[in-house]
Amino acid sequence: MKAGKLVPDETMVKLISSELSVLKTSTWLLDGFPRTRPQAEALDQHEKLDLVLSLEVPDEVIIERIKGRWTHLPSGRIYHTEFNPPKVPGKDDVTGEPLVQREDDKAESVRRRLEYYAANTGPLKKFYEEQGLLECFHGTMSNEIYPRVHKYLQTYIPAHGGPF
């Protein structure tokens, strides 16, 4: 994590497949997995996906958001300099103790993770495009992207036999 790297494919596939085997009769949503084509291919051996959504946000927007994140380590409370600032800069609202920026929230760590992610996203997207499962949504803010995703799902899910 400190180096900005992701969990190895084999570990993730084993973990997710194990959890999904328990959910055989339930509807589920994966967020952030799979991240690589080998993960997708391995998952495909266990579960067939109905739909894959890709939220496309420019790297600089992601970096700006994450580098503003500060944490109170003992409690896990998270603050953000812009979206949820502490009452006193650099101090936890409850205890007054110092906040820290985790190594994986620093701009360079985020940039390394995004570079790794981008290198793996192309083949992953192609895998799902080939299956006709991929839908991409571009934007910079949740309130810009979410309404389009919601509208799409309102038409997709009933058309494919599910409630919404």
N, C-alpha and C. Protein backbone atom coordinates (compact mmCIF):
# COMPACT_ATOMS: atom_id res chain seq x y z
N MET A 1 0.82 -1.19 0.00
CA MET A 1 0.00 0.00 0.00
C MET A 1 0.87 1.26 0.00
N LYS A 2 1.93 1.25 0.81
CA LYS A 2 2.79 2.43 0.88
C LYS A 2 3.41 2.76 -0.47
N ALA A 3 3.67 1.71 -1.27
CA ALA A 3 4.27 1.92 -2.58
C ALA A 3 3.23 2.27 -3.63
N GLY A 4 1.95 2.27 -3.26
CA GLY A 4 0.90 2.59 -4.21
C GLY A 4 0.53 1.44 -5.11
N LYS A 5 0.87 0.20 -4.73
CA LYS A 5 0.57 -0.96 -5.55
C LYS A 5 -0.75 -1.60 -5.14
N LEU A 6 -1.29 -2.41 -6.05
CA LEU A 6 -2.55 -3.09 -5.81
C LEU A 6 -2.31 -4.50 -5.29
N VAL A 7 -3.33 -5.10 -4.71
CA VAL A 7 -3.27 -6.48 -4.23
C VAL A 7 -3.10 -7.40 -5.44
N PRO A 8 -2.27 -8.45 -5.36
CA PRO A 8 -2.05 -9.35 -6.50
C PRO A 8 -3.35 -10.00 -7.00
N ASP A 9 -3.41 -10.25 -8.31
CA ASP A 9 -4.59 -10.83 -8.95
C ASP A 9 -5.06 -12.11 -8.27
N GLU A 10 -4.16 -13.03 -8.06
CA GLU A 10 -4.52 -14.33 -7.48
C GLU A 10 -5.21 -14.18 -6.14
N THR A 11 -4.71 -13.30 -5.31
CA THR A 11 -5.30 -13.06 -3.99
C THR A 11 -6.70 -12.48 -4.12
N MET A 12 -6.86 -11.50 -5.00
CA MET A 12 -8.17 -10.88 -5.18
C MET A 12 -9.20 -11.86 -5.74
N VAL A 13 -8.82 -12.64 -6.75
CA VAL A 13 -9.76 -13.58 -7.36
C VAL A 13 -10.22 -14.61 -6.34
N LYS A 14 -9.29 -15.12 -5.55
CA LYS A 14 -9.63 -16.11 -4.52
C LYS A 14 -10.59 -15.51 -3.49
N LEU A 15 -10.30 -14.32 -3.04
CA LEU A 15 -11.14 -13.64 -2.05
C LEU A 15 -12.55 -13.36 -2.59
N ILE A 16 -12.63 -12.75 -3.75
CA ILE A 16 -13.93 -12.37 -4.32
C ILE A 16 -14.74 -13.61 -4.69
N SER A 17 -14.13 -14.58 -5.32
CA SER A 17 -14.85 -15.81 -5.71
C SER A 17 -15.42 -16.51 -4.49
N SER A 18 -14.66 -16.53 -3.43
CA SER A 18 -15.13 -17.15 -2.19
C SER A 18 -16.36 -16.43 -1.65
N GLU A 19 -16.33 -15.12 -1.65
CA GLU A 19 -17.47 -14.34 -1.16
C GLU A 19 -18.69 -14.50 -2.07
N LEU A 20 -18.48 -14.51 -3.38
CA LEU A 20 -19.60 -14.63 -4.31
C LEU A 20 -20.25 -16.01 -4.24
N SER A 21 -19.48 -17.03 -3.89
CA SER A 21 -20.06 -18.38 -3.79
C SER A 21 -21.12 -18.44 -2.70
N VAL A 22 -21.01 -17.57 -1.70
CA VAL A 22 -21.98 -17.50 -0.61
C VAL A 22 -23.26 -16.77 -1.07
N LEU A 23 -23.14 -15.97 -2.11
CA LEU A 23 -24.25 -15.12 -2.56
C LEU A 23 -24.98 -15.67 -3.79
N LYS A 24 -24.94 -16.94 -4.00
CA LYS A 24 -25.51 -17.54 -5.22
C LYS A 24 -26.94 -17.12 -5.50
N THR A 25 -27.77 -16.95 -4.48
CA THR A 25 -29.18 -16.62 -4.70
C THR A 25 -29.46 -15.13 -4.54
N SER A 26 -28.42 -14.33 -4.36
CA SER A 26 -28.60 -12.89 -4.14
C SER A 26 -28.11 -12.10 -5.34
N THR A 27 -28.60 -10.87 -5.43
CA THR A 27 -28.07 -9.92 -6.40
C THR A 27 -26.89 -9.22 -5.75
N TRP A 28 -25.83 -8.97 -6.51
CA TRP A 28 -24.66 -8.33 -5.93
C TRP A 28 -24.05 -7.35 -6.92
N LEU A 29 -23.22 -6.48 -6.36
CA LEU A 29 -22.52 -5.46 -7.13
C LEU A 29 -21.07 -5.45 -6.68
N LEU A 30 -20.16 -5.50 -7.64
CA LEU A 30 -18.73 -5.39 -7.33
C LEU A 30 -18.29 -3.96 -7.63
N ASP A 31 -17.51 -3.40 -6.75
CA ASP A 31 -17.00 -2.04 -6.92
C ASP A 31 -15.48 -2.09 -6.91
N GLY A 32 -14.86 -1.81 -8.05
CA GLY A 32 -13.40 -1.79 -8.12
C GLY A 32 -12.78 -3.14 -8.40
N PHE A 33 -13.57 -4.12 -8.74
CA PHE A 33 -13.06 -5.45 -9.09
C PHE A 33 -13.91 -5.99 -10.22
N PRO A 34 -13.30 -6.61 -11.18
CA PRO A 34 -11.88 -6.86 -11.38
C PRO A 34 -11.16 -5.61 -11.87
N ARG A 35 -9.84 -5.60 -11.65
CA ARG A 35 -9.02 -4.47 -12.08
C ARG A 35 -8.09 -4.82 -13.22
N THR A 36 -7.95 -6.13 -13.50
CA THR A 36 -7.07 -6.57 -14.58
C THR A 36 -7.80 -7.59 -15.44
N ARG A 37 -7.33 -7.78 -16.67
CA ARG A 37 -7.95 -8.78 -17.54
C ARG A 37 -7.80 -10.18 -16.95
N PRO A 38 -6.63 -10.56 -16.41
CA PRO A 38 -6.56 -11.89 -15.79
C PRO A 38 -7.58 -12.08 -14.66
N GLN A 39 -7.82 -11.03 -13.86
CA GLN A 39 -8.85 -11.13 -12.83
C GLN A 39 -10.22 -11.34 -13.47
N ALA A 40 -10.50 -10.61 -14.54
CA ALA A 40 -11.80 -10.72 -15.22
C ALA A 40 -11.98 -12.11 -15.81
N GLU A 41 -10.94 -12.62 -16.43
CA GLU A 41 -11.01 -13.96 -17.03
C GLU A 41 -11.22 -15.03 -15.96
N ALA A 42 -10.52 -14.88 -14.84
CA ALA A 42 -10.68 -15.84 -13.74
C ALA A 42 -12.07 -15.73 -13.13
N LEU A 43 -12.57 -14.53 -12.93
CA LEU A 43 -13.91 -14.34 -12.40
C LEU A 43 -14.94 -14.95 -13.34
N ASP A 44 -14.73 -14.78 -14.64
CA ASP A 44 -15.65 -15.30 -15.64
C ASP A 44 -15.80 -16.83 -15.55
N GLN A 45 -14.78 -17.49 -15.02
CA GLN A 45 -14.84 -18.95 -14.84
C GLN A 45 -15.79 -19.33 -13.71
N HIS A 46 -16.03 -18.39 -12.78
CA HIS A 46 -16.88 -18.65 -11.61
C HIS A 46 -18.26 -18.02 -11.75
N GLU A 47 -18.30 -16.80 -12.27
CA GLU A 47 -19.53 -16.02 -12.33
C GLU A 47 -19.63 -15.30 -13.67
N LYS A 48 -20.83 -15.24 -14.21
CA LYS A 48 -21.08 -14.46 -15.43
C LYS A 48 -21.70 -13.13 -15.02
N LEU A 49 -21.08 -12.05 -15.45
CA LEU A 49 -21.57 -10.73 -15.12
C LEU A 49 -22.66 -10.31 -16.10
N ASP A 50 -23.58 -9.48 -15.63
CA ASP A 50 -24.64 -8.95 -16.48
C ASP A 50 -24.25 -7.62 -17.10
N LEU A 51 -23.43 -6.86 -16.39
CA LEU A 51 -23.14 -5.49 -16.81
C LEU A 51 -21.87 -5.01 -16.12
N VAL A 52 -21.10 -4.19 -16.84
CA VAL A 52 -19.90 -3.58 -16.28
C VAL A 52 -19.99 -2.08 -16.54
N LEU A 53 -19.89 -1.29 -15.48
CA LEU A 53 -19.92 0.16 -15.59
C LEU A 53 -18.52 0.70 -15.34
N SER A 54 -18.10 1.64 -16.15
CA SER A 54 -16.81 2.29 -15.95
C SER A 54 -17.05 3.78 -15.77
N LEU A 55 -16.67 4.29 -14.61
CA LEU A 55 -16.78 5.72 -14.33
C LEU A 55 -15.46 6.36 -14.69
N GLU A 56 -15.46 7.17 -15.70
CA GLU A 56 -14.25 7.75 -16.26
C GLU A 56 -14.04 9.17 -15.72
N VAL A 57 -13.06 9.32 -14.85
CA VAL A 57 -12.76 10.61 -14.23
C VAL A 57 -11.28 10.92 -14.52
N PRO A 58 -10.97 12.13 -14.96
CA PRO A 58 -9.56 12.47 -15.25
C PRO A 58 -8.66 12.28 -14.03
N ASP A 59 -7.45 11.79 -14.28
CA ASP A 59 -6.49 11.52 -13.20
C ASP A 59 -6.28 12.72 -12.29
N GLU A 60 -6.14 13.90 -12.86
CA GLU A 60 -5.85 15.08 -12.04
C GLU A 60 -6.98 15.38 -11.06
N VAL A 61 -8.21 15.10 -11.45
CA VAL A 61 -9.35 15.29 -10.55
C VAL A 61 -9.24 14.31 -9.39
N ILE A 62 -8.92 13.06 -9.70
CA ILE A 62 -8.77 12.04 -8.66
C ILE A 62 -7.64 12.40 -7.69
N ILE A 63 -6.51 12.80 -8.24
CA ILE A 63 -5.35 13.16 -7.40
C ILE A 63 -5.70 14.33 -6.49
N GLU A 64 -6.35 15.36 -7.03
CA GLU A 64 -6.72 16.52 -6.21
C GLU A 64 -7.65 16.12 -5.07
N ARG A 65 -8.59 15.24 -5.35
CA ARG A 65 -9.52 14.82 -4.30
C ARG A 65 -8.83 14.01 -3.22
N ILE A 66 -8.01 13.05 -3.63
CA ILE A 66 -7.40 12.16 -2.64
C ILE A 66 -6.33 12.87 -1.82
N LYS A 67 -5.57 13.77 -2.43
CA LYS A 67 -4.50 14.41 -1.66
C LYS A 67 -5.04 15.35 -0.58
N GLY A 68 -6.33 15.66 -0.62
CA GLY A 68 -6.95 16.48 0.42
C GLY A 68 -7.47 15.67 1.60
N ARG A 69 -7.28 14.35 1.55
CA ARG A 69 -7.81 13.46 2.59
C ARG A 69 -6.83 13.36 3.77
N TRP A 70 -7.35 13.53 4.98
CA TRP A 70 -6.56 13.43 6.20
C TRP A 70 -7.30 12.53 7.18
N THR A 71 -6.55 11.76 7.97
CA THR A 71 -7.14 10.73 8.82
C THR A 71 -6.73 10.89 10.27
N HIS A 72 -7.68 10.61 11.16
CA HIS A 72 -7.37 10.48 12.57
C HIS A 72 -7.16 8.98 12.77
N LEU A 73 -5.90 8.56 12.87
CA LEU A 73 -5.57 7.14 12.88
C LEU A 73 -6.23 6.34 14.00
N PRO A 74 -6.25 6.82 15.25
CA PRO A 74 -6.84 5.98 16.30
C PRO A 74 -8.31 5.64 16.07
N SER A 75 -9.08 6.55 15.48
CA SER A 75 -10.52 6.31 15.30
C SER A 75 -10.88 5.92 13.88
N GLY A 76 -10.03 6.27 12.92
CA GLY A 76 -10.36 6.04 11.51
C GLY A 76 -11.20 7.14 10.89
N ARG A 77 -11.48 8.21 11.65
CA ARG A 77 -12.26 9.32 11.10
C ARG A 77 -11.48 9.96 9.96
N ILE A 78 -12.20 10.24 8.88
CA ILE A 78 -11.56 10.82 7.70
C ILE A 78 -12.12 12.22 7.45
N TYR A 79 -11.21 13.13 7.17
CA TYR A 79 -11.55 14.51 6.85
C TYR A 79 -11.03 14.80 5.45
N HIS A 80 -11.55 15.86 4.88
CA HIS A 80 -11.04 16.32 3.58
C HIS A 80 -10.94 17.83 3.65
N THR A 81 -9.84 18.37 3.20
CA THR A 81 -9.60 19.80 3.32
C THR A 81 -10.67 20.64 2.62
N GLU A 82 -11.31 20.08 1.60
CA GLU A 82 -12.33 20.85 0.87
C GLU A 82 -13.75 20.38 1.18
N PHE A 83 -13.98 19.05 1.20
CA PHE A 83 -15.34 18.52 1.29
C PHE A 83 -15.82 18.25 2.72
N ASN A 84 -14.90 18.01 3.63
CA ASN A 84 -15.26 17.72 5.03
C ASN A 84 -14.11 18.16 5.93
N PRO A 85 -13.82 19.47 5.96
CA PRO A 85 -12.66 19.92 6.73
C PRO A 85 -12.88 19.81 8.23
N PRO A 86 -11.79 19.55 8.97
CA PRO A 86 -11.92 19.57 10.43
C PRO A 86 -12.18 21.00 10.89
N LYS A 87 -12.77 21.13 12.07
CA LYS A 87 -13.06 22.47 12.61
C LYS A 87 -11.78 23.27 12.80
N VAL A 88 -10.74 22.59 13.26
CA VAL A 88 -9.42 23.20 13.42
C VAL A 88 -8.49 22.47 12.45
N PRO A 89 -7.89 23.19 11.51
CA PRO A 89 -7.03 22.54 10.52
C PRO A 89 -5.98 21.64 11.17
N GLY A 90 -5.91 20.39 10.66
CA GLY A 90 -4.91 19.45 11.13
C GLY A 90 -5.24 18.74 12.43
N LYS A 91 -6.44 19.01 13.00
CA LYS A 91 -6.81 18.41 14.30
C LYS A 91 -8.14 17.67 14.18
N ASP A 92 -8.23 16.53 14.88
CA ASP A 92 -9.47 15.75 14.93
C ASP A 92 -10.54 16.55 15.67
N ASP A 93 -11.76 16.57 15.15
CA ASP A 93 -12.85 17.32 15.77
C ASP A 93 -13.22 16.80 17.16
N VAL A 94 -13.09 15.51 17.39
CA VAL A 94 -13.52 14.92 18.66
C VAL A 94 -12.43 15.00 19.72
N THR A 95 -11.21 14.62 19.37
CA THR A 95 -10.14 14.52 20.38
C THR A 95 -9.15 15.67 20.35
N GLY A 96 -9.10 16.39 19.23
CA GLY A 96 -8.10 17.45 19.08
C GLY A 96 -6.72 16.92 18.73
N GLU A 97 -6.61 15.60 18.56
CA GLU A 97 -5.32 15.00 18.20
C GLU A 97 -4.98 15.31 16.74
N PRO A 98 -3.69 15.19 16.41
CA PRO A 98 -3.28 15.51 15.04
C PRO A 98 -3.85 14.54 14.00
N LEU A 99 -4.12 15.08 12.82
CA LEU A 99 -4.52 14.27 11.68
C LEU A 99 -3.27 13.97 10.86
N VAL A 100 -3.28 12.85 10.15
CA VAL A 100 -2.15 12.50 9.29
C VAL A 100 -2.65 12.21 7.88
N GLN A 101 -1.75 12.41 6.95
CA GLN A 101 -2.05 12.01 5.58
C GLN A 101 -1.35 10.68 5.36
N ARG A 102 -2.15 9.63 5.10
CA ARG A 102 -1.57 8.31 4.89
C ARG A 102 -0.69 8.33 3.64
N GLU A 103 0.32 7.47 3.62
CA GLU A 103 1.24 7.41 2.48
C GLU A 103 0.48 7.15 1.18
N ASP A 104 -0.55 6.29 1.22
CA ASP A 104 -1.27 5.97 -0.02
C ASP A 104 -2.23 7.07 -0.44
N ASP A 105 -2.38 8.12 0.36
CA ASP A 105 -3.20 9.28 -0.02
C ASP A 105 -2.35 10.44 -0.56
N LYS A 106 -1.05 10.28 -0.55
CA LYS A 106 -0.17 11.34 -1.07
C LYS A 106 -0.17 11.30 -2.59
N ALA A 107 0.00 12.47 -3.20
CA ALA A 107 -0.14 12.63 -4.64
C ALA A 107 0.71 11.63 -5.43
N GLU A 108 1.95 11.41 -5.04
CA GLU A 108 2.82 10.51 -5.81
C GLU A 108 2.35 9.05 -5.73
N SER A 109 1.87 8.62 -4.56
CA SER A 109 1.34 7.26 -4.44
C SER A 109 0.09 7.10 -5.30
N VAL A 110 -0.77 8.11 -5.28
CA VAL A 110 -1.99 8.05 -6.07
C VAL A 110 -1.64 8.01 -7.55
N ARG A 111 -0.70 8.84 -7.95
CA ARG A 111 -0.28 8.88 -9.36
C ARG A 111 0.26 7.52 -9.80
N ARG A 112 1.06 6.86 -8.97
CA ARG A 112 1.59 5.53 -9.31
C ARG A 112 0.45 4.51 -9.45
N ARG A 113 -0.52 4.55 -8.53
CA ARG A 113 -1.65 3.63 -8.62
C ARG A 113 -2.46 3.88 -9.89
N LEU A 114 -2.65 5.14 -10.24
CA LEU A 114 -3.41 5.47 -11.45
C LEU A 114 -2.67 5.03 -12.71
N GLU A 115 -1.35 5.15 -12.72
CA GLU A 115 -0.57 4.69 -13.87
C GLU A 115 -0.69 3.18 -14.03
N TYR A 116 -0.60 2.47 -12.92
CA TYR A 116 -0.75 1.01 -12.95
C TYR A 116 -2.16 0.64 -13.41
N TYR A 117 -3.14 1.34 -12.87
CA TYR A 117 -4.54 1.08 -13.22
C TYR A 117 -4.76 1.33 -14.72
N ALA A 118 -4.25 2.43 -15.24
CA ALA A 118 -4.43 2.76 -16.66
C ALA A 118 -3.80 1.69 -17.55
N ALA A 119 -2.65 1.18 -17.16
CA ALA A 119 -1.98 0.15 -17.96
C ALA A 119 -2.81 -1.13 -18.02
N ASN A 120 -3.59 -1.39 -16.99
CA ASN A 120 -4.40 -2.60 -16.94
C ASN A 120 -5.83 -2.40 -17.41
N THR A 121 -6.29 -1.16 -17.46
CA THR A 121 -7.68 -0.88 -17.81
C THR A 121 -7.97 -1.15 -19.27
N GLY A 122 -7.05 -0.84 -20.16
CA GLY A 122 -7.29 -1.06 -21.59
C GLY A 122 -7.67 -2.50 -21.90
N PRO A 123 -6.83 -3.47 -21.53
CA PRO A 123 -7.18 -4.87 -21.78
C PRO A 123 -8.45 -5.32 -21.05
N LEU A 124 -8.67 -4.79 -19.86
CA LEU A 124 -9.86 -5.13 -19.09
C LEU A 124 -11.11 -4.62 -19.80
N LYS A 125 -11.08 -3.37 -20.24
CA LYS A 125 -12.23 -2.81 -20.95
C LYS A 125 -12.49 -3.58 -22.25
N LYS A 126 -11.42 -3.91 -22.95
CA LYS A 126 -11.58 -4.66 -24.20
C LYS A 126 -12.25 -6.00 -23.94
N PHE A 127 -11.87 -6.68 -22.87
CA PHE A 127 -12.49 -7.96 -22.50
C PHE A 127 -14.00 -7.81 -22.35
N TYR A 128 -14.43 -6.76 -21.64
CA TYR A 128 -15.86 -6.57 -21.42
C TYR A 128 -16.57 -5.97 -22.63
N GLU A 129 -15.86 -5.16 -23.43
CA GLU A 129 -16.44 -4.66 -24.67
C GLU A 129 -16.74 -5.82 -25.61
N GLU A 130 -15.80 -6.77 -25.70
CA GLU A 130 -15.98 -7.93 -26.57
C GLU A 130 -17.22 -8.75 -26.17
N GLN A 131 -17.57 -8.71 -24.90
CA GLN A 131 -18.74 -9.43 -24.41
C GLN A 131 -20.01 -8.57 -24.46
N GLY A 132 -19.88 -7.31 -24.86
CA GLY A 132 -21.03 -6.41 -24.92
C GLY A 132 -21.56 -6.00 -23.56
N LEU A 133 -20.69 -6.00 -22.56
CA LEU A 133 -21.11 -5.71 -21.19
C LEU A 133 -20.74 -4.31 -20.70
N LEU A 134 -19.83 -3.62 -21.39
CA LEU A 134 -19.26 -2.38 -20.87
C LEU A 134 -20.06 -1.14 -21.25
N GLU A 135 -20.34 -0.32 -20.23
CA GLU A 135 -20.94 1.00 -20.41
C GLU A 135 -20.05 2.00 -19.69
N CYS A 136 -19.60 3.05 -20.40
CA CYS A 136 -18.72 4.06 -19.81
C CYS A 136 -19.48 5.36 -19.56
N PHE A 137 -19.15 6.00 -18.44
CA PHE A 137 -19.75 7.27 -18.05
C PHE A 137 -18.62 8.23 -17.70
N HIS A 138 -18.53 9.36 -18.41
CA HIS A 138 -17.45 10.33 -18.24
C HIS A 138 -17.93 11.52 -17.42
N GLY A 139 -17.03 12.07 -16.59
CA GLY A 139 -17.36 13.26 -15.83
C GLY A 139 -16.29 13.56 -14.80
N THR A 140 -16.53 14.61 -14.03
CA THR A 140 -15.57 15.01 -13.00
C THR A 140 -16.18 15.06 -11.61
N MET A 141 -17.50 14.99 -11.52
CA MET A 141 -18.17 15.10 -10.22
C MET A 141 -19.26 14.04 -10.12
N SER A 142 -19.51 13.58 -8.90
CA SER A 142 -20.55 12.57 -8.68
C SER A 142 -21.91 13.05 -9.16
N ASN A 143 -22.23 14.31 -8.86
CA ASN A 143 -23.56 14.80 -9.25
C ASN A 143 -23.69 15.01 -10.75
N GLU A 144 -22.60 14.85 -11.47
CA GLU A 144 -22.61 14.90 -12.93
C GLU A 144 -22.77 13.48 -13.50
N ILE A 145 -22.07 12.52 -12.93
CA ILE A 145 -22.07 11.16 -13.44
C ILE A 145 -23.26 10.35 -12.93
N TYR A 146 -23.58 10.47 -11.65
CA TYR A 146 -24.62 9.63 -11.06
C TYR A 146 -25.96 9.70 -11.78
N PRO A 147 -26.47 10.88 -12.14
CA PRO A 147 -27.77 10.90 -12.82
C PRO A 147 -27.78 10.10 -14.13
N ARG A 148 -26.66 10.10 -14.84
CA ARG A 148 -26.60 9.33 -16.10
C ARG A 148 -26.55 7.83 -15.82
N VAL A 149 -25.81 7.44 -14.78
CA VAL A 149 -25.76 6.03 -14.40
C VAL A 149 -27.15 5.58 -13.95
N HIS A 150 -27.78 6.38 -13.12
CA HIS A 150 -29.11 6.04 -12.61
C HIS A 150 -30.12 5.89 -13.75
N LYS A 151 -30.11 6.83 -14.68
CA LYS A 151 -31.02 6.77 -15.83
C LYS A 151 -30.77 5.51 -16.65
N TYR A 152 -29.50 5.20 -16.88
CA TYR A 152 -29.16 4.00 -17.64
C TYR A 152 -29.67 2.74 -16.93
N LEU A 153 -29.43 2.65 -15.62
CA LEU A 153 -29.86 1.47 -14.87
C LEU A 153 -31.38 1.35 -14.83
N GLN A 154 -32.08 2.48 -14.80
CA GLN A 154 -33.55 2.44 -14.81
C GLN A 154 -34.08 1.79 -16.08
N THR A 155 -33.37 1.94 -17.17
CA THR A 155 -33.80 1.30 -18.42
C THR A 155 -33.20 -0.09 -18.57
N TYR A 156 -31.95 -0.27 -18.14
CA TYR A 156 -31.26 -1.55 -18.31
C TYR A 156 -31.88 -2.67 -17.46
N ILE A 157 -32.05 -2.43 -16.18
CA ILE A 157 -32.45 -3.50 -15.27
C ILE A 157 -33.84 -4.06 -15.60
N PRO A 158 -34.88 -3.24 -15.76
CA PRO A 158 -36.18 -3.83 -16.13
C PRO A 158 -36.14 -4.56 -17.48
N ALA A 159 -35.36 -4.04 -18.43
CA ALA A 159 -35.27 -4.67 -19.74
C ALA A 159 -34.57 -6.02 -19.70
N HIS A 160 -33.81 -6.27 -18.64
CA HIS A 160 -33.07 -7.52 -18.51
C HIS A 160 -33.61 -8.41 -17.38
N GLY A 161 -34.85 -8.19 -17.02
CA GLY A 161 -35.51 -9.11 -16.10
C GLY A 161 -35.34 -8.84 -14.63
N GLY A 162 -34.92 -7.65 -14.25
CA GLY A 162 -34.74 -7.37 -12.83
C GLY A 162 -35.56 -6.16 -12.38
N PRO A 163 -35.85 -6.06 -11.11
CA PRO A 163 -36.56 -4.88 -10.59
C PRO A 163 -35.61 -3.70 -10.43
N PHE A 164 -36.16 -2.53 -10.39
CA PHE A 164 -35.32 -1.36 -10.08
C PHE A 164 -36.06 -0.46 -9.13
